[in-house]
N, C-alpha and C. Protein backbone atom coordinates (compact mmCIF):
# COMPACT_ATOMS: atom_id res chain seq x y z
N GLN A 1 -6.75 -21.50 53.70
CA GLN A 1 -7.19 -20.33 54.47
C GLN A 1 -8.72 -20.38 54.63
N VAL A 2 -9.15 -20.24 55.87
CA VAL A 2 -10.58 -20.25 56.15
C VAL A 2 -11.21 -18.92 55.74
N GLN A 3 -12.30 -19.02 55.03
CA GLN A 3 -12.95 -17.80 54.58
C GLN A 3 -14.45 -18.02 54.43
N LEU A 4 -15.23 -17.03 54.85
CA LEU A 4 -16.65 -16.97 54.56
C LEU A 4 -16.85 -15.74 53.70
N LEU A 5 -17.49 -15.92 52.57
CA LEU A 5 -17.67 -14.82 51.64
C LEU A 5 -19.15 -14.62 51.36
N GLU A 6 -19.64 -13.45 51.78
CA GLU A 6 -21.03 -13.10 51.51
C GLU A 6 -21.15 -12.40 50.16
N SER A 7 -22.28 -12.61 49.52
CA SER A 7 -22.57 -11.92 48.27
C SER A 7 -24.08 -11.77 48.13
N GLY A 8 -24.48 -10.94 47.19
CA GLY A 8 -25.90 -10.78 46.91
C GLY A 8 -26.53 -9.52 47.45
N GLY A 9 -25.77 -8.74 48.18
CA GLY A 9 -26.31 -7.49 48.69
C GLY A 9 -26.48 -6.46 47.59
N GLY A 10 -27.10 -5.34 47.94
CA GLY A 10 -27.28 -4.29 46.97
C GLY A 10 -28.36 -3.32 47.39
N LEU A 11 -28.77 -2.50 46.45
CA LEU A 11 -29.82 -1.51 46.67
C LEU A 11 -31.13 -2.05 46.12
N VAL A 12 -32.17 -2.01 46.94
CA VAL A 12 -33.46 -2.52 46.51
C VAL A 12 -34.55 -1.60 47.06
N GLN A 13 -35.64 -1.50 46.34
CA GLN A 13 -36.75 -0.67 46.79
C GLN A 13 -37.54 -1.40 47.88
N PRO A 14 -38.22 -0.65 48.73
CA PRO A 14 -39.09 -1.29 49.73
C PRO A 14 -40.07 -2.24 49.05
N GLY A 15 -40.23 -3.40 49.67
CA GLY A 15 -41.08 -4.43 49.11
C GLY A 15 -40.35 -5.40 48.20
N GLY A 16 -39.12 -5.08 47.87
CA GLY A 16 -38.34 -5.93 46.99
C GLY A 16 -37.71 -7.10 47.70
N SER A 17 -36.91 -7.86 46.93
CA SER A 17 -36.29 -9.07 47.44
C SER A 17 -34.81 -9.12 47.08
N LEU A 18 -34.06 -9.80 47.92
CA LEU A 18 -32.66 -10.11 47.66
C LEU A 18 -32.38 -11.50 48.21
N ARG A 19 -31.42 -12.16 47.61
CA ARG A 19 -30.95 -13.42 48.17
C ARG A 19 -29.46 -13.30 48.46
N LEU A 20 -29.12 -13.44 49.71
CA LEU A 20 -27.72 -13.41 50.11
C LEU A 20 -27.16 -14.83 50.11
N SER A 21 -25.89 -14.92 49.73
CA SER A 21 -25.19 -16.20 49.77
C SER A 21 -23.98 -16.08 50.68
N CYS A 22 -23.67 -17.17 51.32
CA CYS A 22 -22.49 -17.26 52.19
C CYS A 22 -21.73 -18.50 51.78
N ALA A 23 -20.64 -18.31 51.09
CA ALA A 23 -19.84 -19.43 50.59
C ALA A 23 -18.61 -19.60 51.47
N ALA A 24 -18.36 -20.84 51.84
CA ALA A 24 -17.21 -21.14 52.70
C ALA A 24 -16.08 -21.75 51.90
N SER A 25 -14.88 -21.40 52.29
CA SER A 25 -13.70 -22.05 51.73
C SER A 25 -12.72 -22.31 52.87
N GLY A 26 -11.97 -23.37 52.73
CA GLY A 26 -10.99 -23.70 53.75
C GLY A 26 -11.57 -24.49 54.91
N PHE A 27 -12.87 -24.65 54.95
CA PHE A 27 -13.49 -25.53 55.94
C PHE A 27 -14.86 -25.95 55.42
N THR A 28 -15.42 -26.97 56.04
CA THR A 28 -16.69 -27.51 55.58
C THR A 28 -17.82 -27.01 56.46
N LEU A 29 -18.79 -26.38 55.83
CA LEU A 29 -19.92 -25.84 56.57
C LEU A 29 -20.79 -26.92 57.21
N ASP A 30 -20.71 -28.14 56.64
CA ASP A 30 -21.61 -29.22 57.03
C ASP A 30 -21.73 -29.40 58.53
N TYR A 31 -20.62 -29.16 59.24
CA TYR A 31 -20.58 -29.56 60.64
C TYR A 31 -20.99 -28.47 61.61
N TYR A 32 -21.43 -27.33 61.07
CA TYR A 32 -21.65 -26.17 61.94
C TYR A 32 -23.00 -25.53 61.74
N THR A 33 -23.55 -25.06 62.85
CA THR A 33 -24.67 -24.13 62.77
C THR A 33 -24.15 -22.82 62.20
N ILE A 34 -24.88 -22.28 61.25
CA ILE A 34 -24.48 -21.05 60.58
C ILE A 34 -25.53 -19.97 60.85
N GLY A 35 -25.05 -18.79 61.13
CA GLY A 35 -25.95 -17.69 61.40
C GLY A 35 -25.74 -16.52 60.47
N TRP A 36 -26.81 -15.77 60.29
CA TRP A 36 -26.75 -14.47 59.61
C TRP A 36 -26.98 -13.39 60.68
N PHE A 37 -26.18 -12.36 60.60
CA PHE A 37 -26.25 -11.24 61.51
C PHE A 37 -26.27 -9.96 60.68
N ARG A 38 -26.68 -8.87 61.31
CA ARG A 38 -26.63 -7.60 60.60
C ARG A 38 -26.31 -6.48 61.58
N GLN A 39 -25.75 -5.43 61.01
CA GLN A 39 -25.43 -4.25 61.81
C GLN A 39 -25.76 -3.01 61.00
N ALA A 40 -26.67 -2.24 61.54
CA ALA A 40 -27.06 -0.98 60.92
C ALA A 40 -26.20 0.14 61.50
N PRO A 41 -26.06 1.24 60.78
CA PRO A 41 -25.25 2.35 61.27
C PRO A 41 -25.74 2.83 62.64
N GLY A 42 -24.81 2.93 63.57
CA GLY A 42 -25.15 3.42 64.90
C GLY A 42 -25.83 2.43 65.79
N LYS A 43 -25.97 1.19 65.32
CA LYS A 43 -26.66 0.17 66.12
C LYS A 43 -25.73 -1.01 66.37
N GLU A 44 -26.09 -1.79 67.38
CA GLU A 44 -25.31 -2.98 67.67
C GLU A 44 -25.65 -4.09 66.66
N ARG A 45 -24.72 -5.00 66.51
CA ARG A 45 -24.96 -6.15 65.65
C ARG A 45 -26.06 -7.01 66.26
N GLU A 46 -26.93 -7.52 65.41
CA GLU A 46 -28.02 -8.35 65.90
C GLU A 46 -28.11 -9.64 65.08
N GLY A 47 -28.57 -10.67 65.72
CA GLY A 47 -28.79 -11.92 65.03
C GLY A 47 -30.06 -11.86 64.19
N VAL A 48 -29.98 -12.36 62.98
CA VAL A 48 -31.12 -12.35 62.06
C VAL A 48 -31.73 -13.74 61.96
N SER A 49 -30.88 -14.73 61.74
CA SER A 49 -31.37 -16.08 61.53
C SER A 49 -30.23 -17.07 61.71
N CYS A 50 -30.58 -18.31 62.02
CA CYS A 50 -29.56 -19.34 62.06
C CYS A 50 -30.17 -20.65 61.61
N ILE A 51 -29.30 -21.57 61.20
CA ILE A 51 -29.74 -22.85 60.67
C ILE A 51 -28.84 -23.95 61.22
N SER A 52 -29.48 -25.05 61.60
CA SER A 52 -28.73 -26.16 62.19
C SER A 52 -27.93 -26.90 61.14
N VAL A 53 -27.11 -27.81 61.61
CA VAL A 53 -26.23 -28.58 60.73
C VAL A 53 -27.02 -29.28 59.62
N SER A 54 -28.11 -29.91 60.00
CA SER A 54 -28.89 -30.66 59.02
C SER A 54 -29.82 -29.77 58.20
N GLY A 55 -30.01 -28.56 58.69
CA GLY A 55 -30.97 -27.67 58.05
C GLY A 55 -32.39 -27.88 58.54
N GLY A 56 -32.55 -28.82 59.46
CA GLY A 56 -33.88 -29.13 59.93
C GLY A 56 -34.43 -28.18 60.96
N SER A 57 -33.56 -27.35 61.50
CA SER A 57 -33.99 -26.39 62.52
C SER A 57 -33.52 -25.00 62.13
N THR A 58 -34.44 -24.07 62.14
CA THR A 58 -34.10 -22.69 61.81
C THR A 58 -34.71 -21.76 62.85
N ASN A 59 -34.09 -20.62 63.02
CA ASN A 59 -34.60 -19.60 63.92
C ASN A 59 -34.50 -18.24 63.27
N TYR A 60 -35.43 -17.37 63.64
CA TYR A 60 -35.46 -16.03 63.05
C TYR A 60 -35.72 -14.98 64.12
N ALA A 61 -35.14 -13.83 63.92
CA ALA A 61 -35.50 -12.68 64.75
C ALA A 61 -36.95 -12.31 64.48
N ASP A 62 -37.63 -11.82 65.49
CA ASP A 62 -39.03 -11.46 65.32
C ASP A 62 -39.23 -10.45 64.18
N SER A 63 -38.27 -9.59 63.99
CA SER A 63 -38.38 -8.52 63.00
C SER A 63 -38.37 -9.03 61.57
N VAL A 64 -37.91 -10.28 61.36
CA VAL A 64 -37.82 -10.80 59.99
C VAL A 64 -38.67 -12.04 59.76
N LYS A 65 -39.31 -12.54 60.81
CA LYS A 65 -40.14 -13.74 60.66
C LYS A 65 -41.21 -13.54 59.60
N GLY A 66 -41.35 -14.55 58.76
CA GLY A 66 -42.35 -14.48 57.70
C GLY A 66 -41.87 -13.78 56.45
N ARG A 67 -40.71 -13.13 56.54
CA ARG A 67 -40.18 -12.42 55.37
C ARG A 67 -38.86 -13.01 54.88
N PHE A 68 -38.05 -13.50 55.81
CA PHE A 68 -36.74 -14.05 55.47
C PHE A 68 -36.77 -15.57 55.62
N THR A 69 -35.98 -16.23 54.76
CA THR A 69 -35.86 -17.68 54.84
C THR A 69 -34.39 -18.06 54.71
N ILE A 70 -33.91 -18.81 55.68
CA ILE A 70 -32.54 -19.29 55.64
C ILE A 70 -32.53 -20.73 55.13
N SER A 71 -31.51 -21.07 54.36
CA SER A 71 -31.39 -22.43 53.85
C SER A 71 -29.91 -22.73 53.65
N ARG A 72 -29.61 -24.01 53.46
CA ARG A 72 -28.22 -24.38 53.22
C ARG A 72 -28.16 -25.47 52.18
N ASP A 73 -27.06 -25.43 51.44
CA ASP A 73 -26.76 -26.47 50.46
C ASP A 73 -25.36 -26.96 50.81
N ASN A 74 -25.30 -28.01 51.58
CA ASN A 74 -24.00 -28.50 52.04
C ASN A 74 -23.14 -29.00 50.89
N ALA A 75 -23.76 -29.47 49.83
CA ALA A 75 -22.99 -29.92 48.67
C ALA A 75 -22.22 -28.76 48.04
N LYS A 76 -22.80 -27.56 48.16
CA LYS A 76 -22.15 -26.38 47.61
C LYS A 76 -21.40 -25.59 48.68
N ASN A 77 -21.45 -26.11 49.91
CA ASN A 77 -20.75 -25.43 51.01
C ASN A 77 -21.23 -23.98 51.14
N THR A 78 -22.53 -23.80 51.01
CA THR A 78 -23.10 -22.45 50.96
C THR A 78 -24.39 -22.39 51.78
N VAL A 79 -24.59 -21.25 52.43
CA VAL A 79 -25.82 -20.96 53.14
C VAL A 79 -26.44 -19.72 52.50
N TYR A 80 -27.76 -19.69 52.45
CA TYR A 80 -28.46 -18.61 51.78
C TYR A 80 -29.41 -17.90 52.76
N LEU A 81 -29.71 -16.67 52.44
CA LEU A 81 -30.74 -15.94 53.16
C LEU A 81 -31.62 -15.24 52.12
N GLN A 82 -32.81 -15.78 51.93
CA GLN A 82 -33.77 -15.17 51.03
C GLN A 82 -34.53 -14.10 51.80
N MET A 83 -34.50 -12.90 51.30
CA MET A 83 -35.13 -11.77 51.98
C MET A 83 -36.21 -11.19 51.09
N ASN A 84 -37.44 -11.28 51.53
CA ASN A 84 -38.58 -10.75 50.79
C ASN A 84 -39.24 -9.62 51.57
N SER A 85 -40.07 -8.88 50.89
CA SER A 85 -40.82 -7.78 51.51
C SER A 85 -39.88 -6.88 52.32
N LEU A 86 -38.79 -6.51 51.72
CA LEU A 86 -37.78 -5.74 52.43
C LEU A 86 -38.29 -4.37 52.83
N LYS A 87 -37.83 -3.92 53.98
CA LYS A 87 -38.22 -2.64 54.55
C LYS A 87 -36.99 -1.77 54.74
N PRO A 88 -37.16 -0.46 54.78
CA PRO A 88 -36.00 0.42 55.01
C PRO A 88 -35.24 0.05 56.29
N GLU A 89 -35.93 -0.42 57.28
CA GLU A 89 -35.24 -0.79 58.53
C GLU A 89 -34.41 -2.06 58.40
N ASP A 90 -34.48 -2.74 57.27
CA ASP A 90 -33.60 -3.89 57.03
C ASP A 90 -32.24 -3.45 56.51
N THR A 91 -32.08 -2.17 56.24
CA THR A 91 -30.81 -1.66 55.76
C THR A 91 -29.71 -1.91 56.78
N ALA A 92 -28.65 -2.56 56.35
CA ALA A 92 -27.55 -2.92 57.26
C ALA A 92 -26.48 -3.64 56.46
N VAL A 93 -25.36 -3.85 57.11
CA VAL A 93 -24.36 -4.78 56.59
C VAL A 93 -24.70 -6.15 57.16
N TYR A 94 -24.80 -7.12 56.29
CA TYR A 94 -25.18 -8.48 56.68
C TYR A 94 -23.94 -9.37 56.67
N TYR A 95 -23.79 -10.13 57.75
CA TYR A 95 -22.66 -11.01 57.92
C TYR A 95 -23.14 -12.45 58.11
N CYS A 96 -22.40 -13.38 57.57
CA CYS A 96 -22.64 -14.77 57.96
C CYS A 96 -21.49 -15.21 58.86
N ALA A 97 -21.77 -16.21 59.66
CA ALA A 97 -20.78 -16.66 60.63
C ALA A 97 -21.00 -18.10 61.03
N ALA A 98 -19.90 -18.73 61.39
CA ALA A 98 -19.93 -20.01 62.09
C ALA A 98 -19.48 -19.68 63.51
N PRO A 99 -20.40 -19.25 64.34
CA PRO A 99 -20.01 -18.68 65.64
C PRO A 99 -19.21 -19.63 66.53
N SER A 100 -19.50 -20.91 66.45
CA SER A 100 -18.80 -21.84 67.33
C SER A 100 -17.32 -21.95 67.00
N ARG A 101 -16.97 -21.57 65.78
CA ARG A 101 -15.56 -21.58 65.38
C ARG A 101 -14.97 -20.18 65.34
N GLY A 102 -15.81 -19.19 65.52
CA GLY A 102 -15.32 -17.82 65.46
C GLY A 102 -15.04 -17.34 64.06
N TYR A 103 -15.68 -17.96 63.07
CA TYR A 103 -15.46 -17.57 61.68
C TYR A 103 -16.54 -16.59 61.26
N TRP A 104 -16.10 -15.47 60.71
CA TRP A 104 -17.01 -14.42 60.26
C TRP A 104 -16.62 -13.97 58.86
N GLY A 105 -17.63 -13.64 58.07
CA GLY A 105 -17.36 -13.05 56.78
C GLY A 105 -17.14 -11.55 56.90
N GLN A 106 -16.86 -10.93 55.77
CA GLN A 106 -16.58 -9.49 55.76
C GLN A 106 -17.83 -8.65 55.64
N GLY A 107 -18.93 -9.29 55.27
CA GLY A 107 -20.19 -8.58 55.20
C GLY A 107 -20.56 -8.12 53.80
N THR A 108 -21.86 -7.96 53.59
CA THR A 108 -22.37 -7.42 52.34
C THR A 108 -23.44 -6.38 52.67
N GLN A 109 -23.39 -5.26 51.98
CA GLN A 109 -24.30 -4.16 52.28
C GLN A 109 -25.66 -4.39 51.64
N VAL A 110 -26.69 -4.23 52.43
CA VAL A 110 -28.06 -4.25 51.93
C VAL A 110 -28.68 -2.89 52.24
N THR A 111 -29.15 -2.22 51.20
CA THR A 111 -29.79 -0.92 51.36
C THR A 111 -31.19 -0.98 50.77
N VAL A 112 -32.17 -0.66 51.58
CA VAL A 112 -33.56 -0.67 51.15
C VAL A 112 -34.05 0.78 51.14
N SER A 113 -34.25 1.28 49.95
CA SER A 113 -34.61 2.69 49.83
C SER A 113 -35.30 2.94 48.50
N SER A 114 -36.21 3.89 48.51
CA SER A 114 -36.86 4.29 47.26
C SER A 114 -36.11 5.46 46.63
């Protein structure tokens, strides 16, 4: 069974950090560009970051550039999103996906609040 499982979300104070993980089962992440997306209450889902198959190319939304870092460990079949200097506006459910295959995780909640 194909599955993407996000973890690492939680409640953090402004300025804090979290690292999200996206672990795949039932398929190999190696062959796919993987993206992180988020959806805040009342807002549309937006792309946060993506990483190429080799990991050599990454892209970020302007709102997270310089604060978030995406990486992948193909040996562990996992993609990560390191989030630093978190802001209240980063509060959302974060999803990882292999969009070209239509595979999406269930999401992990990130709440940034004092």
